[in-house]
Amino acid sequence: MNTRSAFVPYAPLGTLKPVAPSVWVVDGPEIRFGYLGFKMPFPTRMTIVRLSHGGLFVHSPIALDEKLARAVEALGPVEHLIAPNTIHYWWVPDWKARFPAAQVHAAPGLDRKAKRPLPIDSVLSASPPPEWAGEIEQVLFAGDVMAEVDFFHRPSRTLILTDLIENFEPARIKSWVLRLLVRLAGAADPDGSAPRDMRATFRRHRAEMRAGVERMLAWQPERVILAHGRWYAQNGTAELTRAFRWVLKS
């Protein structure tokens, strides 16, 4: 896990990839996240939704360079920068500096937990704000350690998650040690899910967690985009049911 690159990347990086009408993903560079004294590697991914009036909703922004900034500008004005949980926020200030008119929307608790200055304009909740109500639905999952807000783009039937499903492909992991850890965590493709340690943060909130998952299932998503690992381009509702069986089973 100390190798320079732990994952075979989802190339090309920093490139807009259309996945549905008005929805794009951009795969970013690998990062190292401090966890239990280790620097765990993660591939990164952001999602962009163009709202009906043309403004952009940028979910979990990745590292920004000028080439990517210009490609995003060509889609429309950047209006909303989304820090969807208390982990995914690091590059939001860089995007805010590049797109100063954009509003920053952050998961609950991030104002206290962020490890760099974060210019938060609004705190996300279980209900969509007027800026995207009617186009994008959302649901809040609040645990003991972290909170995450997930989003559903109604026109394309696209669900956008962050860390509540991780689906690392073993064939892309270079280290056998990391492959083993990912499997033990329950986050390996084709049976990706919330890592077991993350599930623990929601143990005391199981009823609320189940209600949130049932709400997502009621949306009947066709596709599910994830921040880490292979995302689901089809059969989204079935994949959601499988990945959240740890919540749905009594």
Foldseek 3Di string as FASTA:
>chain_A
DPDPDFFDFPPPALDWDDQFVQKTKGWHDWAFDDDPNGGHIFTFMWMWGQAPVQEIAIELDDDDDPVSVVVVVVSGQHAEYEAFKLPRDVCVVVVCVVRVNHAYEYEPPNCPRPPDDDDHPYYDAQADDPVQPPQKHWGWDDFQPMIGIWIAGQVGLETEGEQQWAEAELVGGDDPVVSVVCVQQQRYPPRTGHGPVVVVRCPVVLVSVLVRLVVSLVSVGQWYDYGGHDTGSGPHSVSSCRRCVVRVPD
